[in-house]
């Protein structure tokens, strides 16, 4: 992937979308003359990875629902995005359905009374795995950046953990902070 020439701000990705509003990635890409799409790869109930279990405070037998997506720019893979929700919250909701959700997953959480109020993000860089190489169409020597975002309510309750594995070549992460 080549440098996109823009910095992304997380705020549009951590709020529920209004009815009829485009999803955040499509909107951001369009602002730069690009086409941002995504493909839902899977929706499943799993024993979450350790970082997710710790963020949610889950025990070894607790489960999470994960929505796995392939993020594309101009038809090319650019990111794997896995968003996790505690199974006790997600069961019986649209979060468990293997289809796109009008308004996005955060709209479902808001409807359930879980209004996002803040996020914590961490980033690491590492060599890509064979599965990532295949899905992202990258070479074995290519590295990826992994951004992990924990989204919380105003009371500090974690409601979503997203693990985003990005093509690292030409990618720059920039953060903007507003001091109140």
C-alpha atoms as a PDB file:
ATOM      1  CA  UNK A   1       0.000   0.000   0.000  1.00  0.00           C
ATOM      2  CA  UNK A   2       1.280   3.439  -0.775  1.00  0.00           C
ATOM      3  CA  UNK A   3       1.046   6.436   1.515  1.00  0.00           C
ATOM      4  CA  UNK A   4      -2.518   7.681   1.523  1.00  0.00           C
ATOM      5  CA  UNK A   5      -1.470  11.237   2.362  1.00  0.00           C
ATOM      6  CA  UNK A   6      -4.013  11.687   5.106  1.00  0.00           C
ATOM      7  CA  UNK A   7      -4.260  11.212   8.833  1.00  0.00           C
ATOM      8  CA  UNK A   8      -7.247   9.473  10.314  1.00  0.00           C
ATOM      9  CA  UNK A   9      -9.017  10.647  13.458  1.00  0.00           C
ATOM     10  CA  UNK A  10     -10.650   7.901  15.529  1.00  0.00           C
ATOM     11  CA  UNK A  11     -13.639  10.014  16.624  1.00  0.00           C
ATOM     12  CA  UNK A  12     -15.787   9.128  13.604  1.00  0.00           C
ATOM     13  CA  UNK A  13     -15.119   5.417  14.181  1.00  0.00           C
ATOM     14  CA  UNK A  14     -16.126   5.360  17.846  1.00  0.00           C
ATOM     15  CA  UNK A  15     -19.610   6.838  17.653  1.00  0.00           C
ATOM     16  CA  UNK A  16     -22.882   5.338  16.452  1.00  0.00           C
ATOM     17  CA  UNK A  17     -23.785   6.353  12.912  1.00  0.00           C
ATOM     18  CA  UNK A  18     -27.078   8.167  12.276  1.00  0.00           C
ATOM     19  CA  UNK A  19     -29.730   6.564  10.002  1.00  0.00           C
ATOM     20  CA  UNK A  20     -28.733   7.030   6.378  1.00  0.00           C
ATOM     21  CA  UNK A  21     -25.216   8.184   7.266  1.00  0.00           C
ATOM     22  CA  UNK A  22     -22.447   6.321   5.393  1.00  0.00           C
ATOM     23  CA  UNK A  23     -20.172   4.085   7.400  1.00  0.00           C
ATOM     24  CA  UNK A  24     -17.045   5.841   8.649  1.00  0.00           C
ATOM     25  CA  UNK A  25     -14.461   4.162   6.396  1.00  0.00           C
ATOM     26  CA  UNK A  26     -16.453   4.782   3.188  1.00  0.00           C
ATOM     27  CA  UNK A  27     -16.986   8.397   4.188  1.00  0.00           C
ATOM     28  CA  UNK A  28     -13.333   9.020   5.041  1.00  0.00           C
ATOM     29  CA  UNK A  29     -12.039   7.375   1.862  1.00  0.00           C
ATOM     30  CA  UNK A  30     -14.516   9.332  -0.299  1.00  0.00           C
ATOM     31  CA  UNK A  31     -13.253  12.599   1.206  1.00  0.00           C
ATOM     32  CA  UNK A  32      -9.899  11.732  -0.377  1.00  0.00           C
ATOM     33  CA  UNK A  33     -11.258  10.597  -3.734  1.00  0.00           C
ATOM     34  CA  UNK A  34     -10.890   6.912  -2.865  1.00  0.00           C
ATOM     35  CA  UNK A  35     -13.369   4.071  -2.461  1.00  0.00           C
ATOM     36  CA  UNK A  36     -13.430   2.483   0.991  1.00  0.00           C
ATOM     37  CA  UNK A  37     -15.386  -0.755   1.371  1.00  0.00           C
ATOM     38  CA  UNK A  38     -15.413  -3.746   3.656  1.00  0.00           C
ATOM     39  CA  UNK A  39     -16.345  -7.407   3.458  1.00  0.00           C
ATOM     40  CA  UNK A  40     -17.728  -9.302   6.427  1.00  0.00           C
ATOM     41  CA  UNK A  41     -15.570 -12.438   6.724  1.00  0.00           C
ATOM     42  CA  UNK A  42     -17.206 -14.109   9.705  1.00  0.00           C
ATOM     43  CA  UNK A  43     -19.346 -13.650  12.795  1.00  0.00           C
ATOM     44  CA  UNK A  44     -18.729 -16.194  15.516  1.00  0.00           C
ATOM     45  CA  UNK A  45     -18.723 -16.806  19.245  1.00  0.00           C
ATOM     46  CA  UNK A  46     -15.187 -17.544  20.448  1.00  0.00           C
ATOM     47  CA  UNK A  47     -12.863 -17.820  23.386  1.00  0.00           C
ATOM     48  CA  UNK A  48     -11.275 -14.409  22.836  1.00  0.00           C
ATOM     49  CA  UNK A  49      -7.546 -13.750  22.650  1.00  0.00           C
ATOM     50  CA  UNK A  50      -5.910 -12.754  25.922  1.00  0.00           C
ATOM     51  CA  UNK A  51      -5.801  -9.016  25.167  1.00  0.00           C
ATOM     52  CA  UNK A  52      -9.564  -9.032  24.534  1.00  0.00           C
ATOM     53  CA  UNK A  53     -10.394 -11.180  27.567  1.00  0.00           C
ATOM     54  CA  UNK A  54      -8.328  -8.891  29.800  1.00  0.00           C
ATOM     55  CA  UNK A  55      -9.955  -5.737  28.436  1.00  0.00           C
ATOM     56  CA  UNK A  56     -13.435  -7.146  29.094  1.00  0.00           C
ATOM     57  CA  UNK A  57     -12.440  -8.738  32.413  1.00  0.00           C
ATOM     58  CA  UNK A  58     -13.500 -12.176  31.131  1.00  0.00           C
ATOM     59  CA  UNK A  59     -12.599 -15.450  32.744  1.00  0.00           C
ATOM     60  CA  UNK A  60     -11.096 -18.415  30.893  1.00  0.00           C
ATOM     61  CA  UNK A  61     -14.554 -19.899  30.166  1.00  0.00           C
ATOM     62  CA  UNK A  62     -16.224 -16.633  29.149  1.00  0.00           C
ATOM     63  CA  UNK A  63     -16.981 -16.081  25.481  1.00  0.00           C
ATOM     64  CA  UNK A  64     -17.073 -13.133  23.117  1.00  0.00           C
ATOM     65  CA  UNK A  65     -18.726 -12.529  19.775  1.00  0.00           C
ATOM     66  CA  UNK A  66     -16.340 -11.413  17.054  1.00  0.00           C
ATOM     67  CA  UNK A  67     -17.234  -9.723  13.779  1.00  0.00           C
ATOM     68  CA  UNK A  68     -14.327 -10.218  11.340  1.00  0.00           C
ATOM     69  CA  UNK A  69     -14.028  -7.829   8.403  1.00  0.00           C
ATOM     70  CA  UNK A  70     -11.641  -7.274   5.508  1.00  0.00           C
ATOM     71  CA  UNK A  71     -11.177  -3.542   4.881  1.00  0.00           C
ATOM     72  CA  UNK A  72     -10.479  -2.500   1.296  1.00  0.00           C
ATOM     73  CA  UNK A  73      -9.315   0.705  -0.347  1.00  0.00           C
ATOM     74  CA  UNK A  74     -10.030   0.955  -4.056  1.00  0.00           C
ATOM     75  CA  UNK A  75     -10.686  -2.794  -4.015  1.00  0.00           C
ATOM     76  CA  UNK A  76      -7.331  -3.718  -2.437  1.00  0.00           C
ATOM     77  CA  UNK A  77      -6.990  -5.234   1.042  1.00  0.00           C
ATOM     78  CA  UNK A  78      -5.590  -2.782   3.552  1.00  0.00           C
ATOM     79  CA  UNK A  79      -6.697  -4.045   6.963  1.00  0.00           C
ATOM     80  CA  UNK A  80      -8.197  -6.931   8.914  1.00  0.00           C
ATOM     81  CA  UNK A  81     -10.632  -5.616  11.518  1.00  0.00           C
ATOM     82  CA  UNK A  82     -11.900  -7.941  14.258  1.00  0.00           C
ATOM     83  CA  UNK A  83     -14.394  -6.347  16.650  1.00  0.00           C
ATOM     84  CA  UNK A  84     -15.255  -8.244  19.849  1.00  0.00           C
ATOM     85  CA  UNK A  85     -18.272  -7.914  22.159  1.00  0.00           C
ATOM     86  CA  UNK A  86     -18.977  -9.784  25.407  1.00  0.00           C
ATOM     87  CA  UNK A  87     -21.227 -12.717  24.485  1.00  0.00           C
ATOM     88  CA  UNK A  88     -23.512 -11.844  27.407  1.00  0.00           C
ATOM     89  CA  UNK A  89     -24.209  -8.501  25.696  1.00  0.00           C
ATOM     90  CA  UNK A  90     -24.205  -9.643  22.051  1.00  0.00           C
ATOM     91  CA  UNK A  91     -26.278 -12.842  22.198  1.00  0.00           C
ATOM     92  CA  UNK A  92     -29.720 -12.419  20.681  1.00  0.00           C
ATOM     93  CA  UNK A  93     -28.837  -9.100  19.000  1.00  0.00           C
ATOM     94  CA  UNK A  94     -27.912  -8.066  15.457  1.00  0.00           C
ATOM     95  CA  UNK A  95     -24.263  -8.296  16.538  1.00  0.00           C
ATOM     96  CA  UNK A  96     -24.477 -12.080  16.085  1.00  0.00           C
ATOM     97  CA  UNK A  97     -25.986 -11.951  12.594  1.00  0.00           C
ATOM     98  CA  UNK A  98     -23.678 -12.653   9.654  1.00  0.00           C
ATOM     99  CA  UNK A  99     -24.719  -9.568   7.705  1.00  0.00           C
ATOM    100  CA  UNK A 100     -24.031  -5.849   7.633  1.00  0.00           C
ATOM    101  CA  UNK A 101     -25.661  -3.848  10.391  1.00  0.00           C
ATOM    102  CA  UNK A 102     -27.480  -0.675   9.386  1.00  0.00           C
ATOM    103  CA  UNK A 103     -25.893   2.113  11.423  1.00  0.00           C
ATOM    104  CA  UNK A 104     -23.057  -0.182  12.510  1.00  0.00           C
ATOM    105  CA  UNK A 105     -22.358  -2.230  15.616  1.00  0.00           C
ATOM    106  CA  UNK A 106     -22.090   0.857  17.803  1.00  0.00           C
ATOM    107  CA  UNK A 107     -25.692   1.771  16.980  1.00  0.00           C
ATOM    108  CA  UNK A 108     -26.747  -1.656  18.286  1.00  0.00           C
ATOM    109  CA  UNK A 109     -24.753  -1.112  21.482  1.00  0.00           C
ATOM    110  CA  UNK A 110     -26.257   2.368  21.935  1.00  0.00           C
ATOM    111  CA  UNK A 111     -29.761   0.912  21.480  1.00  0.00           C
ATOM    112  CA  UNK A 112     -28.901  -1.577  24.246  1.00  0.00           C
ATOM    113  CA  UNK A 113     -27.923   1.284  26.561  1.00  0.00           C
ATOM    114  CA  UNK A 114     -24.158   1.082  26.018  1.00  0.00           C
ATOM    115  CA  UNK A 115     -23.288   4.570  24.758  1.00  0.00           C
ATOM    116  CA  UNK A 116     -19.608   4.896  23.807  1.00  0.00           C
ATOM    117  CA  UNK A 117     -17.837   7.722  25.635  1.00  0.00           C
ATOM    118  CA  UNK A 118     -14.114   7.085  25.306  1.00  0.00           C
ATOM    119  CA  UNK A 119     -11.463   4.883  23.780  1.00  0.00           C
ATOM    120  CA  UNK A 120      -7.951   3.683  24.532  1.00  0.00           C
ATOM    121  CA  UNK A 121      -5.683   2.637  21.685  1.00  0.00           C
ATOM    122  CA  UNK A 122      -2.371   0.843  21.512  1.00  0.00           C
ATOM    123  CA  UNK A 123      -0.238   0.067  18.456  1.00  0.00           C
ATOM    124  CA  UNK A 124       2.462  -2.521  17.821  1.00  0.00           C
ATOM    125  CA  UNK A 125       4.419  -3.460  14.696  1.00  0.00           C
ATOM    126  CA  UNK A 126       5.392  -7.063  13.979  1.00  0.00           C
ATOM    127  CA  UNK A 127       6.163  -9.483  11.156  1.00  0.00           C
ATOM    128  CA  UNK A 128       3.070 -10.680   9.285  1.00  0.00           C
ATOM    129  CA  UNK A 129       1.742 -14.216   9.657  1.00  0.00           C
ATOM    130  CA  UNK A 130       1.089 -16.508   6.672  1.00  0.00           C
ATOM    131  CA  UNK A 131      -2.684 -16.035   7.098  1.00  0.00           C
ATOM    132  CA  UNK A 132      -2.298 -12.233   7.136  1.00  0.00           C
ATOM    133  CA  UNK A 133      -0.059 -12.395   4.068  1.00  0.00           C
ATOM    134  CA  UNK A 134      -2.749 -14.270   2.158  1.00  0.00           C
ATOM    135  CA  UNK A 135      -5.688 -12.109   3.296  1.00  0.00           C
ATOM    136  CA  UNK A 136      -3.860  -8.789   2.892  1.00  0.00           C
ATOM    137  CA  UNK A 137      -2.018  -9.824  -0.297  1.00  0.00           C
ATOM    138  CA  UNK A 138       1.403  -8.975   1.143  1.00  0.00           C
ATOM    139  CA  UNK A 139       4.816 -10.649   0.966  1.00  0.00           C
ATOM    140  CA  UNK A 140       6.294 -12.900   3.690  1.00  0.00           C
ATOM    141  CA  UNK A 141       8.870 -10.233   4.598  1.00  0.00           C
ATOM    142  CA  UNK A 142       6.203  -7.536   5.048  1.00  0.00           C
ATOM    143  CA  UNK A 143       5.314  -6.254   8.488  1.00  0.00           C
ATOM    144  CA  UNK A 144       1.931  -5.264   9.867  1.00  0.00           C
ATOM    145  CA  UNK A 145       0.803  -2.744  12.427  1.00  0.00           C
ATOM    146  CA  UNK A 146      -1.785  -3.901  14.940  1.00  0.00           C
ATOM    147  CA  UNK A 147      -3.980  -1.270  16.557  1.00  0.00           C
ATOM    148  CA  UNK A 148      -6.046  -2.447  19.526  1.00  0.00           C
ATOM    149  CA  UNK A 149      -8.888  -0.153  20.581  1.00  0.00           C
ATOM    150  CA  UNK A 150     -10.953  -0.571  23.761  1.00  0.00           C
ATOM    151  CA  UNK A 151     -14.182   1.411  23.622  1.00  0.00           C
ATOM    152  CA  UNK A 152     -15.830   2.280  26.953  1.00  0.00           C
ATOM    153  CA  UNK A 153     -19.014   3.845  28.254  1.00  0.00           C
ATOM    154  CA  UNK A 154     -18.954   6.947  30.448  1.00  0.00           C
ATOM    155  CA  UNK A 155     -18.922   4.623  33.475  1.00  0.00           C
ATOM    156  CA  UNK A 156     -15.789   2.902  32.166  1.00  0.00           C
ATOM    157  CA  UNK A 157     -17.549  -0.303  31.059  1.00  0.00           C
ATOM    158  CA  UNK A 158     -15.710  -1.852  28.087  1.00  0.00           C
ATOM    159  CA  UNK A 159     -18.214  -2.464  25.277  1.00  0.00           C
ATOM    160  CA  UNK A 160     -16.071  -3.192  22.226  1.00  0.00           C
ATOM    161  CA  UNK A 161     -12.503  -4.320  21.643  1.00  0.00           C
ATOM    162  CA  UNK A 162     -11.292  -3.962  18.063  1.00  0.00           C
ATOM    163  CA  UNK A 163      -8.066  -5.498  16.819  1.00  0.00           C
ATOM    164  CA  UNK A 164      -7.078  -3.962  13.486  1.00  0.00           C
ATOM    165  CA  UNK A 165      -4.198  -5.544  11.586  1.00  0.00           C
ATOM    166  CA  UNK A 166      -2.977  -3.113   8.928  1.00  0.00           C
ATOM    167  CA  UNK A 167      -0.625  -3.269   5.999  1.00  0.00           C
ATOM    168  CA  UNK A 168       2.364  -1.377   7.412  1.00  0.00           C
ATOM    169  CA  UNK A 169       4.061  -0.253   4.196  1.00  0.00           C
ATOM    170  CA  UNK A 170       3.402   3.429   3.631  1.00  0.00           C
ATOM    171  CA  UNK A 171       1.123   3.632   6.670  1.00  0.00           C
ATOM    172  CA  UNK A 172       1.467   6.358   9.237  1.00  0.00           C
ATOM    173  CA  UNK A 173      -0.665   6.622  12.329  1.00  0.00           C
ATOM    174  CA  UNK A 174      -1.218  10.147  13.617  1.00  0.00           C
ATOM    175  CA  UNK A 175      -3.138  11.078  16.726  1.00  0.00           C
ATOM    176  CA  UNK A 176      -4.937  14.304  17.434  1.00  0.00           C
ATOM    177  CA  UNK A 177      -5.810  15.218  21.006  1.00  0.00           C
ATOM    178  CA  UNK A 178      -8.068  17.996  22.160  1.00  0.00           C
ATOM    179  CA  UNK A 179      -7.433  19.429  25.620  1.00  0.00           C
ATOM    180  CA  UNK A 180     -10.604  20.647  27.294  1.00  0.00           C
END
